[in-house]
Amino acid sequence: MCKNDVCSRCDEMLAEVYTKYANLKSMFNGLSNCVPDMVWAKDTKGKYTYANNMLAYKLYRTSVADVIGKTDAELAAACKKEQGCANFTFGQMCGDSDREVLREQRSMKFLEEGIIDGRHLILMVHKNVERDIQGNVVGTVGIGRDVTFEYEALKDIAHSTTDSSARDAILAVLHKNYYTNKDSGDGC
């Protein structure tokens, strides 16, 4: 086999790998943009390397392109400038939970809350470390779900009921689903 034939075959194989990668990336983007949850990845310095449309719009009222390469603190500063400090308080705790996940190097669950557009928002956030193909930690990945309505409704019911066993059951659900910080296992 001549050297040109080998190079030609390598080029074909490389083109096939790039095509498969592009198809997988397209599928992942499509999947993450059709779910109601916020999906993201950040590097070890807290800069976004991936964000779906829900995260970009719901948290920061911007586009995915404006989120990539920025930290929560940078994005929060822009929102505070536009919305006013009293109307936007999200940002700092996200970085704190990223650091905790990086330190623990395992999947963890957090309840993160703040004000966006003057409205209270509570997110149930599952985070894990992101590793490269060699197993090195390169950042964090996460999924956040808006649980504001469910959380507040359960809290209101728990505080308004006079039946102590019902109140205890509701508070147990709140504690298990919303207050517990640590997941078990390696997955989100």
N, C-alpha and C. Protein backbone atom coordinates (compact mmCIF):
# COMPACT_ATOMS: atom_id res chain seq x y z
N MET A 1 0.85 -1.17 0.00
CA MET A 1 0.00 0.00 0.00
C MET A 1 0.89 1.23 0.00
N CYS A 2 0.59 2.16 -0.82
CA CYS A 2 1.39 3.37 -0.96
C CYS A 2 1.06 4.36 0.15
N LYS A 3 1.99 5.23 0.41
CA LYS A 3 1.84 6.21 1.49
C LYS A 3 0.60 7.08 1.28
N ASN A 4 0.30 7.44 0.04
CA ASN A 4 -0.87 8.26 -0.26
C ASN A 4 -2.17 7.53 0.06
N ASP A 5 -2.19 6.19 -0.15
CA ASP A 5 -3.37 5.40 0.17
C ASP A 5 -3.62 5.39 1.68
N VAL A 6 -2.54 5.28 2.45
CA VAL A 6 -2.65 5.29 3.91
C VAL A 6 -3.18 6.66 4.37
N CYS A 7 -2.62 7.71 3.87
CA CYS A 7 -3.07 9.06 4.23
C CYS A 7 -4.53 9.27 3.85
N SER A 8 -4.90 8.78 2.68
CA SER A 8 -6.27 8.91 2.22
C SER A 8 -7.22 8.17 3.16
N ARG A 9 -6.85 6.97 3.57
CA ARG A 9 -7.69 6.17 4.49
C ARG A 9 -7.77 6.86 5.86
N CYS A 10 -6.66 7.42 6.33
CA CYS A 10 -6.66 8.15 7.60
C CYS A 10 -7.59 9.37 7.52
N ASP A 11 -7.55 10.08 6.41
CA ASP A 11 -8.43 11.23 6.22
C ASP A 11 -9.89 10.81 6.25
N GLU A 12 -10.21 9.66 5.62
CA GLU A 12 -11.58 9.15 5.61
C GLU A 12 -12.03 8.79 7.03
N MET A 13 -11.14 8.13 7.78
CA MET A 13 -11.48 7.74 9.15
C MET A 13 -11.67 8.98 10.03
N LEU A 14 -10.81 9.96 9.85
CA LEU A 14 -10.92 11.19 10.63
C LEU A 14 -12.22 11.92 10.29
N ALA A 15 -12.57 11.97 9.03
CA ALA A 15 -13.82 12.60 8.60
C ALA A 15 -15.01 11.88 9.23
N GLU A 16 -14.96 10.55 9.31
CA GLU A 16 -16.03 9.77 9.92
C GLU A 16 -16.15 10.08 11.42
N VAL A 17 -15.01 10.20 12.10
CA VAL A 17 -15.01 10.54 13.53
C VAL A 17 -15.62 11.92 13.74
N TYR A 18 -15.22 12.89 12.94
CA TYR A 18 -15.76 14.25 13.06
C TYR A 18 -17.27 14.26 12.80
N THR A 19 -17.72 13.50 11.83
CA THR A 19 -19.15 13.42 11.53
C THR A 19 -19.92 12.83 12.71
N LYS A 20 -19.38 11.75 13.29
CA LYS A 20 -20.04 11.13 14.45
C LYS A 20 -20.07 12.11 15.62
N TYR A 21 -18.96 12.81 15.85
CA TYR A 21 -18.90 13.80 16.92
C TYR A 21 -19.94 14.90 16.69
N ALA A 22 -20.00 15.41 15.49
CA ALA A 22 -20.95 16.48 15.17
C ALA A 22 -22.39 16.00 15.37
N ASN A 23 -22.67 14.77 14.97
CA ASN A 23 -24.02 14.21 15.15
C ASN A 23 -24.36 14.05 16.64
N LEU A 24 -23.42 13.56 17.44
CA LEU A 24 -23.65 13.42 18.87
C LEU A 24 -23.84 14.78 19.55
N LYS A 25 -23.03 15.74 19.15
CA LYS A 25 -23.15 17.10 19.71
C LYS A 25 -24.50 17.70 19.36
N SER A 26 -24.93 17.52 18.13
CA SER A 26 -26.22 18.03 17.70
C SER A 26 -27.36 17.36 18.48
N MET A 27 -27.26 16.05 18.66
CA MET A 27 -28.28 15.32 19.41
C MET A 27 -28.32 15.82 20.86
N PHE A 28 -27.15 15.97 21.50
CA PHE A 28 -27.10 16.44 22.88
C PHE A 28 -27.69 17.83 23.01
N ASN A 29 -27.34 18.73 22.10
CA ASN A 29 -27.90 20.08 22.12
C ASN A 29 -29.41 20.04 21.98
N GLY A 30 -29.90 19.21 21.06
CA GLY A 30 -31.34 19.09 20.87
C GLY A 30 -32.04 18.56 22.11
N LEU A 31 -31.46 17.53 22.72
CA LEU A 31 -32.05 16.96 23.94
C LEU A 31 -32.04 17.97 25.08
N SER A 32 -30.90 18.62 25.30
CA SER A 32 -30.81 19.52 26.45
C SER A 32 -31.66 20.78 26.25
N ASN A 33 -31.94 21.14 25.02
CA ASN A 33 -32.77 22.32 24.78
C ASN A 33 -34.25 22.02 24.75
N CYS A 34 -34.64 20.74 24.81
CA CYS A 34 -36.08 20.44 24.82
C CYS A 34 -36.57 20.05 26.21
N VAL A 35 -35.69 19.99 27.20
CA VAL A 35 -36.13 19.68 28.55
C VAL A 35 -36.41 20.99 29.31
N PRO A 36 -37.29 20.94 30.29
CA PRO A 36 -37.61 22.17 31.04
C PRO A 36 -36.55 22.53 32.07
N ASP A 37 -35.53 21.70 32.22
CA ASP A 37 -34.48 21.94 33.20
C ASP A 37 -33.33 22.74 32.60
N MET A 38 -32.55 23.35 33.48
CA MET A 38 -31.34 24.05 33.07
C MET A 38 -30.20 23.03 33.06
N VAL A 39 -29.40 23.03 31.99
CA VAL A 39 -28.30 22.08 31.84
C VAL A 39 -27.04 22.89 31.52
N TRP A 40 -25.91 22.52 32.17
CA TRP A 40 -24.69 23.29 31.93
C TRP A 40 -23.45 22.48 32.26
N ALA A 41 -22.32 23.02 31.82
CA ALA A 41 -20.99 22.52 32.19
C ALA A 41 -20.12 23.75 32.41
N LYS A 42 -19.21 23.63 33.38
CA LYS A 42 -18.27 24.72 33.68
C LYS A 42 -16.87 24.14 33.82
N ASP A 43 -15.87 24.96 33.54
CA ASP A 43 -14.50 24.52 33.77
C ASP A 43 -14.17 24.65 35.25
N THR A 44 -12.97 24.31 35.65
CA THR A 44 -12.60 24.33 37.07
C THR A 44 -12.53 25.74 37.65
N LYS A 45 -12.53 26.74 36.80
CA LYS A 45 -12.54 28.14 37.27
C LYS A 45 -13.96 28.70 37.33
N GLY A 46 -14.95 27.88 37.01
CA GLY A 46 -16.34 28.30 37.08
C GLY A 46 -16.88 28.99 35.84
N LYS A 47 -16.11 28.95 34.74
CA LYS A 47 -16.58 29.56 33.49
C LYS A 47 -17.41 28.54 32.71
N TYR A 48 -18.55 28.99 32.20
CA TYR A 48 -19.43 28.10 31.44
C TYR A 48 -18.75 27.64 30.15
N THR A 49 -18.77 26.33 29.94
CA THR A 49 -18.30 25.75 28.69
C THR A 49 -19.49 25.23 27.88
N TYR A 50 -20.63 25.08 28.54
CA TYR A 50 -21.87 24.67 27.87
C TYR A 50 -23.04 25.19 28.70
N ALA A 51 -24.09 25.60 28.02
CA ALA A 51 -25.34 26.00 28.67
C ALA A 51 -26.48 25.78 27.69
N ASN A 52 -27.60 25.29 28.21
CA ASN A 52 -28.75 25.18 27.32
C ASN A 52 -29.55 26.49 27.34
N ASN A 53 -30.53 26.58 26.46
CA ASN A 53 -31.31 27.80 26.34
C ASN A 53 -32.04 28.15 27.63
N MET A 54 -32.54 27.13 28.35
CA MET A 54 -33.30 27.38 29.58
C MET A 54 -32.42 28.08 30.62
N LEU A 55 -31.19 27.64 30.78
CA LEU A 55 -30.29 28.29 31.74
C LEU A 55 -30.02 29.72 31.31
N ALA A 56 -29.66 29.91 30.05
CA ALA A 56 -29.31 31.24 29.57
C ALA A 56 -30.46 32.22 29.77
N TYR A 57 -31.66 31.80 29.42
CA TYR A 57 -32.78 32.73 29.52
C TYR A 57 -33.34 32.83 30.94
N LYS A 58 -33.61 31.69 31.57
CA LYS A 58 -34.29 31.71 32.87
C LYS A 58 -33.44 32.37 33.96
N LEU A 59 -32.16 32.07 33.97
CA LEU A 59 -31.31 32.65 35.02
C LEU A 59 -30.78 34.03 34.66
N TYR A 60 -30.36 34.20 33.41
CA TYR A 60 -29.62 35.41 33.07
C TYR A 60 -30.25 36.27 31.99
N ARG A 61 -31.41 35.88 31.49
CA ARG A 61 -32.13 36.66 30.48
C ARG A 61 -31.25 37.04 29.30
N THR A 62 -30.48 36.06 28.83
CA THR A 62 -29.56 36.31 27.73
C THR A 62 -29.49 35.07 26.83
N SER A 63 -28.58 35.08 25.90
CA SER A 63 -28.42 33.96 24.98
C SER A 63 -27.30 33.03 25.46
N VAL A 64 -27.30 31.82 24.92
CA VAL A 64 -26.24 30.85 25.24
C VAL A 64 -24.88 31.44 24.89
N ALA A 65 -24.79 32.10 23.75
CA ALA A 65 -23.50 32.68 23.32
C ALA A 65 -22.97 33.68 24.34
N ASP A 66 -23.87 34.41 25.02
CA ASP A 66 -23.43 35.38 26.02
C ASP A 66 -23.03 34.72 27.34
N VAL A 67 -23.46 33.48 27.57
CA VAL A 67 -23.15 32.76 28.82
C VAL A 67 -21.78 32.09 28.73
N ILE A 68 -21.46 31.51 27.58
CA ILE A 68 -20.22 30.74 27.42
C ILE A 68 -19.00 31.62 27.69
N GLY A 69 -18.10 31.09 28.53
CA GLY A 69 -16.87 31.80 28.85
C GLY A 69 -16.97 32.73 30.05
N LYS A 70 -18.18 32.85 30.61
CA LYS A 70 -18.37 33.73 31.76
C LYS A 70 -18.67 32.91 33.02
N THR A 71 -18.45 33.53 34.18
CA THR A 71 -18.78 32.90 35.46
C THR A 71 -20.17 33.37 35.91
N ASP A 72 -20.71 32.68 36.92
CA ASP A 72 -21.99 33.11 37.49
C ASP A 72 -21.89 34.54 38.03
N ALA A 73 -20.77 34.84 38.67
CA ALA A 73 -20.59 36.18 39.24
C ALA A 73 -20.60 37.25 38.15
N GLU A 74 -19.94 36.99 37.03
CA GLU A 74 -19.93 37.96 35.93
C GLU A 74 -21.33 38.14 35.34
N LEU A 75 -22.04 37.03 35.17
CA LEU A 75 -23.39 37.10 34.62
C LEU A 75 -24.34 37.79 35.60
N ALA A 76 -24.17 37.49 36.90
CA ALA A 76 -25.01 38.11 37.93
C ALA A 76 -24.78 39.62 37.98
N ALA A 77 -23.52 40.04 37.84
CA ALA A 77 -23.22 41.48 37.85
C ALA A 77 -23.95 42.20 36.73
N ALA A 78 -23.98 41.58 35.55
CA ALA A 78 -24.68 42.19 34.41
C ALA A 78 -26.18 42.26 34.69
N CYS A 79 -26.73 41.20 35.28
CA CYS A 79 -28.17 41.20 35.60
C CYS A 79 -28.50 42.23 36.67
N LYS A 80 -27.65 42.33 37.69
CA LYS A 80 -27.89 43.32 38.76
C LYS A 80 -27.85 44.74 38.19
N LYS A 81 -26.95 44.96 37.24
CA LYS A 81 -26.85 46.28 36.62
C LYS A 81 -28.14 46.60 35.87
N GLU A 82 -28.70 45.61 35.20
CA GLU A 82 -29.90 45.82 34.41
C GLU A 82 -31.17 45.80 35.26
N GLN A 83 -31.26 44.85 36.22
CA GLN A 83 -32.49 44.66 36.99
C GLN A 83 -32.48 45.39 38.33
N GLY A 84 -31.31 45.78 38.80
CA GLY A 84 -31.20 46.37 40.13
C GLY A 84 -30.86 45.29 41.14
N CYS A 85 -30.09 45.64 42.14
CA CYS A 85 -29.61 44.67 43.13
C CYS A 85 -30.75 43.98 43.87
N ALA A 86 -31.82 44.71 44.15
CA ALA A 86 -32.93 44.11 44.89
C ALA A 86 -33.72 43.11 44.04
N ASN A 87 -33.65 43.25 42.73
CA ASN A 87 -34.43 42.38 41.84
C ASN A 87 -33.65 41.18 41.32
N PHE A 88 -32.35 41.11 41.64
CA PHE A 88 -31.54 39.97 41.20
C PHE A 88 -30.50 39.64 42.26
N THR A 89 -30.60 38.44 42.85
CA THR A 89 -29.66 38.04 43.90
C THR A 89 -29.00 36.70 43.62
N PHE A 90 -29.22 36.11 42.45
CA PHE A 90 -28.62 34.82 42.12
C PHE A 90 -27.15 34.99 41.75
N GLY A 91 -26.34 33.96 41.93
CA GLY A 91 -24.98 34.01 41.42
C GLY A 91 -23.91 33.47 42.33
N GLN A 92 -23.72 34.06 43.50
CA GLN A 92 -22.59 33.70 44.35
C GLN A 92 -22.68 32.27 44.86
N MET A 93 -23.87 31.83 45.30
CA MET A 93 -23.95 30.48 45.88
C MET A 93 -23.66 29.40 44.84
N CYS A 94 -23.88 29.69 43.57
CA CYS A 94 -23.60 28.69 42.52
C CYS A 94 -22.11 28.36 42.51
N GLY A 95 -21.27 29.38 42.61
CA GLY A 95 -19.83 29.16 42.64
C GLY A 95 -19.39 28.41 43.88
N ASP A 96 -20.05 28.68 45.00
CA ASP A 96 -19.72 27.97 46.24
C ASP A 96 -20.02 26.48 46.11
N SER A 97 -21.15 26.14 45.52
CA SER A 97 -21.49 24.72 45.37
C SER A 97 -20.59 24.05 44.33
N ASP A 98 -20.16 24.78 43.31
CA ASP A 98 -19.19 24.23 42.35
C ASP A 98 -17.90 23.85 43.08
N ARG A 99 -17.42 24.74 43.91
CA ARG A 99 -16.18 24.45 44.66
C ARG A 99 -16.34 23.24 45.56
N GLU A 100 -17.52 23.11 46.17
CA GLU A 100 -17.76 21.95 47.04
C GLU A 100 -17.74 20.65 46.25
N VAL A 101 -18.37 20.64 45.08
CA VAL A 101 -18.38 19.45 44.23
C VAL A 101 -16.97 19.12 43.76
N LEU A 102 -16.20 20.12 43.38
CA LEU A 102 -14.81 19.89 42.96
C LEU A 102 -13.97 19.35 44.13
N ARG A 103 -14.21 19.85 45.31
CA ARG A 103 -13.46 19.38 46.48
C ARG A 103 -13.83 17.93 46.83
N GLU A 104 -15.14 17.63 46.83
CA GLU A 104 -15.62 16.29 47.17
C GLU A 104 -15.45 15.28 46.03
N GLN A 105 -15.42 15.79 44.81
CA GLN A 105 -15.31 14.98 43.58
C GLN A 105 -16.36 13.87 43.51
N ARG A 106 -17.61 14.28 43.73
CA ARG A 106 -18.73 13.36 43.60
C ARG A 106 -20.01 14.14 43.37
N SER A 107 -21.04 13.41 42.99
CA SER A 107 -22.33 14.01 42.74
C SER A 107 -22.93 14.56 44.03
N MET A 108 -23.49 15.77 43.94
CA MET A 108 -24.11 16.39 45.11
C MET A 108 -25.38 17.13 44.68
N LYS A 109 -26.27 17.32 45.65
CA LYS A 109 -27.54 17.99 45.41
C LYS A 109 -27.60 19.24 46.28
N PHE A 110 -28.11 20.34 45.70
CA PHE A 110 -28.19 21.61 46.41
C PHE A 110 -29.54 22.27 46.17
N LEU A 111 -30.00 23.00 47.15
CA LEU A 111 -31.15 23.87 46.98
C LEU A 111 -30.58 25.27 46.86
N GLU A 112 -30.74 25.89 45.70
CA GLU A 112 -30.20 27.22 45.47
C GLU A 112 -31.36 28.16 45.21
N GLU A 113 -31.35 29.29 45.87
CA GLU A 113 -32.46 30.22 45.70
C GLU A 113 -31.98 31.65 45.65
N GLY A 114 -32.82 32.46 45.07
CA GLY A 114 -32.52 33.87 44.94
C GLY A 114 -33.67 34.59 44.28
N ILE A 115 -33.43 35.82 43.94
CA ILE A 115 -34.44 36.67 43.29
C ILE A 115 -34.00 36.93 41.85
N ILE A 116 -34.92 36.73 40.92
CA ILE A 116 -34.70 37.06 39.51
C ILE A 116 -35.91 37.84 39.02
N ASP A 117 -35.68 38.98 38.41
CA ASP A 117 -36.76 39.87 37.98
C ASP A 117 -37.70 40.19 39.13
N GLY A 118 -37.17 40.28 40.34
CA GLY A 118 -37.98 40.61 41.51
C GLY A 118 -38.81 39.45 42.04
N ARG A 119 -38.64 38.26 41.47
CA ARG A 119 -39.42 37.09 41.91
C ARG A 119 -38.50 36.05 42.55
N HIS A 120 -39.01 35.41 43.59
CA HIS A 120 -38.28 34.36 44.29
C HIS A 120 -38.18 33.13 43.38
N LEU A 121 -37.00 32.55 43.27
CA LEU A 121 -36.77 31.35 42.48
C LEU A 121 -36.00 30.35 43.33
N ILE A 122 -36.49 29.11 43.38
CA ILE A 122 -35.82 28.04 44.11
C ILE A 122 -35.49 26.95 43.10
N LEU A 123 -34.22 26.58 43.04
CA LEU A 123 -33.77 25.53 42.13
C LEU A 123 -33.26 24.33 42.91
N MET A 124 -33.66 23.13 42.49
CA MET A 124 -33.04 21.91 42.97
C MET A 124 -31.95 21.61 41.95
N VAL A 125 -30.71 21.63 42.41
CA VAL A 125 -29.57 21.50 41.52
C VAL A 125 -28.79 20.23 41.83
N HIS A 126 -28.54 19.45 40.81
CA HIS A 126 -27.69 18.26 40.91
C HIS A 126 -26.41 18.57 40.14
N LYS A 127 -25.27 18.41 40.81
CA LYS A 127 -23.98 18.69 40.18
C LYS A 127 -23.05 17.50 40.35
N ASN A 128 -22.13 17.38 39.42
CA ASN A 128 -21.11 16.35 39.49
C ASN A 128 -19.84 16.90 38.85
N VAL A 129 -18.73 16.22 39.08
CA VAL A 129 -17.51 16.62 38.39
C VAL A 129 -17.58 16.14 36.95
N GLU A 130 -16.93 16.88 36.07
CA GLU A 130 -16.77 16.47 34.68
C GLU A 130 -15.32 16.02 34.52
N ARG A 131 -15.14 14.88 33.89
CA ARG A 131 -13.80 14.33 33.69
C ARG A 131 -13.51 14.20 32.20
N ASP A 132 -12.24 14.37 31.84
CA ASP A 132 -11.86 14.14 30.46
C ASP A 132 -11.67 12.64 30.24
N ILE A 133 -11.28 12.27 29.04
CA ILE A 133 -11.16 10.86 28.68
C ILE A 133 -10.09 10.12 29.49
N GLN A 134 -9.13 10.86 30.03
CA GLN A 134 -8.10 10.24 30.88
C GLN A 134 -8.52 10.16 32.35
N GLY A 135 -9.68 10.71 32.69
CA GLY A 135 -10.17 10.68 34.06
C GLY A 135 -9.82 11.90 34.89
N ASN A 136 -9.18 12.88 34.30
CA ASN A 136 -8.83 14.11 35.02
C ASN A 136 -10.06 15.01 35.16
N VAL A 137 -10.21 15.60 36.33
CA VAL A 137 -11.32 16.53 36.55
C VAL A 137 -11.07 17.79 35.75
N VAL A 138 -12.04 18.15 34.90
CA VAL A 138 -11.91 19.35 34.06
C VAL A 138 -12.97 20.40 34.38
N GLY A 139 -13.89 20.07 35.29
CA GLY A 139 -14.92 21.04 35.65
C GLY A 139 -16.09 20.37 36.32
N THR A 140 -17.24 21.04 36.23
CA THR A 140 -18.48 20.51 36.80
C THR A 140 -19.56 20.49 35.73
N VAL A 141 -20.52 19.61 35.93
CA VAL A 141 -21.72 19.56 35.10
C VAL A 141 -22.91 19.66 36.05
N GLY A 142 -24.01 20.17 35.55
CA GLY A 142 -25.15 20.30 36.42
C GLY A 142 -26.47 20.38 35.70
N ILE A 143 -27.51 20.09 36.47
CA ILE A 143 -28.89 20.20 36.01
C ILE A 143 -29.66 20.90 37.12
N GLY A 144 -30.41 21.93 36.77
CA GLY A 144 -31.21 22.66 37.75
C GLY A 144 -32.67 22.66 37.36
N ARG A 145 -33.52 22.38 38.34
CA ARG A 145 -34.97 22.34 38.10
C ARG A 145 -35.64 23.38 38.99
N ASP A 146 -36.52 24.15 38.43
CA ASP A 146 -37.29 25.14 39.18
C ASP A 146 -38.31 24.38 40.04
N VAL A 147 -38.15 24.45 41.36
CA VAL A 147 -39.06 23.77 42.29
C VAL A 147 -39.76 24.80 43.19
N THR A 148 -39.78 26.04 42.79
CA THR A 148 -40.33 27.11 43.61
C THR A 148 -41.76 26.81 44.03
N PHE A 149 -42.62 26.50 43.08
CA PHE A 149 -44.04 26.28 43.37
C PHE A 149 -44.22 25.10 44.33
N GLU A 150 -43.59 23.96 44.02
CA GLU A 150 -43.75 22.76 44.84
C GLU A 150 -43.21 22.98 46.25
N TYR A 151 -42.05 23.58 46.35
CA TYR A 151 -41.42 23.84 47.64
C TYR A 151 -42.29 24.75 48.50
N GLU A 152 -42.73 25.87 47.93
CA GLU A 152 -43.55 26.82 48.68
C GLU A 152 -44.90 26.22 49.06
N ALA A 153 -45.50 25.43 48.16
CA ALA A 153 -46.80 24.81 48.46
C ALA A 153 -46.67 23.82 49.62
N LEU A 154 -45.64 22.97 49.59
CA LEU A 154 -45.45 22.02 50.68
C LEU A 154 -45.16 22.74 51.99
N LYS A 155 -44.37 23.78 51.92
CA LYS A 155 -44.04 24.56 53.12
C LYS A 155 -45.29 25.21 53.70
N ASP A 156 -46.14 25.78 52.84
CA ASP A 156 -47.39 26.40 53.30
C ASP A 156 -48.32 25.38 53.93
N ILE A 157 -48.44 24.21 53.30
CA ILE A 157 -49.31 23.16 53.84
C ILE A 157 -48.79 22.70 55.20
N ALA A 158 -47.47 22.49 55.29
CA ALA A 158 -46.88 22.04 56.55
C ALA A 158 -47.15 23.03 57.67
N HIS A 159 -47.06 24.32 57.36
CA HIS A 159 -47.24 25.33 58.41
C HIS A 159 -48.71 25.60 58.73
N SER A 160 -49.62 25.25 57.82
CA SER A 160 -51.02 25.55 58.06
C SER A 160 -51.80 24.37 58.64
N THR A 161 -51.26 23.18 58.58
CA THR A 161 -51.99 22.02 59.09
C THR A 161 -51.86 21.93 60.61
N THR A 162 -52.93 21.46 61.24
CA THR A 162 -52.90 21.25 62.68
C THR A 162 -52.65 19.78 63.02
N ASP A 163 -52.72 18.93 62.02
CA ASP A 163 -52.46 17.50 62.21
C ASP A 163 -50.94 17.29 62.27
N SER A 164 -50.43 16.95 63.44
CA SER A 164 -48.98 16.86 63.61
C SER A 164 -48.36 15.74 62.78
N SER A 165 -49.07 14.63 62.58
CA SER A 165 -48.49 13.55 61.78
C SER A 165 -48.41 13.95 60.30
N ALA A 166 -49.43 14.68 59.81
CA ALA A 166 -49.40 15.17 58.43
C ALA A 166 -48.28 16.19 58.26
N ARG A 167 -48.15 17.10 59.24
CA ARG A 167 -47.10 18.11 59.18
C ARG A 167 -45.72 17.44 59.20
N ASP A 168 -45.54 16.45 60.06
CA ASP A 168 -44.27 15.74 60.13
C ASP A 168 -43.95 15.03 58.82
N ALA A 169 -44.98 14.44 58.19
CA ALA A 169 -44.77 13.75 56.90
C ALA A 169 -44.36 14.74 55.82
N ILE A 170 -45.02 15.90 55.79
CA ILE A 170 -44.69 16.92 54.79
C ILE A 170 -43.28 17.46 55.04
N LEU A 171 -42.96 17.73 56.28
CA LEU A 171 -41.62 18.22 56.60
C LEU A 171 -40.56 17.18 56.26
N ALA A 172 -40.88 15.89 56.42
CA ALA A 172 -39.94 14.83 56.04
C ALA A 172 -39.70 14.85 54.53
N VAL A 173 -40.77 15.06 53.75
CA VAL A 173 -40.63 15.15 52.29
C VAL A 173 -39.79 16.37 51.93
N LEU A 174 -40.07 17.50 52.56
CA LEU A 174 -39.27 18.70 52.31
C LEU A 174 -37.80 18.44 52.63
N HIS A 175 -37.55 17.83 53.77
CA HIS A 175 -36.17 17.57 54.18
C HIS A 175 -35.48 16.63 53.20
N LYS A 176 -36.15 15.55 52.83
CA LYS A 176 -35.54 14.56 51.93
C LYS A 176 -35.30 15.14 50.54
N ASN A 177 -36.28 15.83 50.00
CA ASN A 177 -36.19 16.29 48.62
C ASN A 177 -35.54 17.65 48.44
N TYR A 178 -35.63 18.51 49.44
CA TYR A 178 -35.19 19.88 49.23
C TYR A 178 -34.06 20.34 50.14
N TYR A 179 -33.89 19.71 51.28
CA TYR A 179 -32.85 20.18 52.19
C TYR A 179 -31.59 19.34 52.13
N THR A 180 -31.69 18.08 51.79
CA THR A 180 -30.53 17.20 51.80
C THR A 180 -29.55 17.64 50.72
N ASN A 181 -28.31 17.88 51.09
CA ASN A 181 -27.33 18.38 50.14
C ASN A 181 -26.62 17.31 49.34
N LYS A 182 -26.45 16.16 49.88
CA LYS A 182 -25.60 15.20 49.21
C LYS A 182 -26.41 14.08 48.54
N ASP A 183 -26.09 13.82 47.28
CA ASP A 183 -26.64 12.68 46.56
C ASP A 183 -25.86 11.45 46.97
N SER A 184 -26.41 10.31 46.69
CA SER A 184 -25.61 9.10 46.84
C SER A 184 -25.25 8.62 45.44
N GLY A 185 -24.10 8.06 45.29
CA GLY A 185 -23.70 7.55 43.97
C GLY A 185 -22.88 8.54 43.19
N ASP A 186 -22.55 8.13 41.97
CA ASP A 186 -21.67 8.93 41.13
C ASP A 186 -22.41 9.74 40.07
N GLY A 187 -23.67 9.44 39.82
CA GLY A 187 -24.37 10.12 38.74
C GLY A 187 -25.18 11.29 39.23
N CYS A 188 -25.59 12.13 38.29
CA CYS A 188 -26.49 13.24 38.64
C CYS A 188 -27.86 12.67 38.77
